[in-house]
C-alpha cells in the first residue's frame, strides 16, 4: 500500500478519476470580468482567497418567514463577501465547483454591478441548461432559500 501511495504522489501511477484537492490562490485585487452592457461599481479590494476544491463552505440566506433581499445578504456577509474574481475562476474551472451547488445560486457580493438602468446586482453563479453560468441577484429584489454565498 505504501508503494502505491508513493507512486501516486510522485505521479508515476495514474488512476482515472482520482484527483488531489489543490489550493488555488485567487487574487481578488484584480478587476473581475464585467459583462458587456454592465458597469462595475468600485469597491474594496478583496485580497487573496484560498480556494480548495472539496472544502468550500457556503452560508445560506434561508428565511422561514419571508424572502430576503440582496441588500440584507450584503449586510449579513459584511467584509467576508467574495468578489467576482472568484466567480471568474470558477467559471473557467468548473471542475472545482461542487455538484451540490447545482440546486443553489451562489452570490459574489464583494462585487456590485449596475445594469443600463442603474439597477445594482451581485454577479451570481448558477447551473443553467447543463452548464455553469453567471446570472444576476438584484439588491432590491426578494429571493428564496436557493441563494447562498461562499464563506
Foldseek 3Di string as FASTA:
>chain_A
DVVVVVCVVVVNDDDPPDDDWDKDKFFQQDDADDDPQKAWDDDDRLGIDIQTQPPWDKAWPADPPFFDFLQVVCVVCPSVQAACSVVVVCQVPVVSPDPVLQQAKEWRVRIWMAGPVRFIWTWIWYQDPNGIDTDTGTRGDGDHGRYIYID
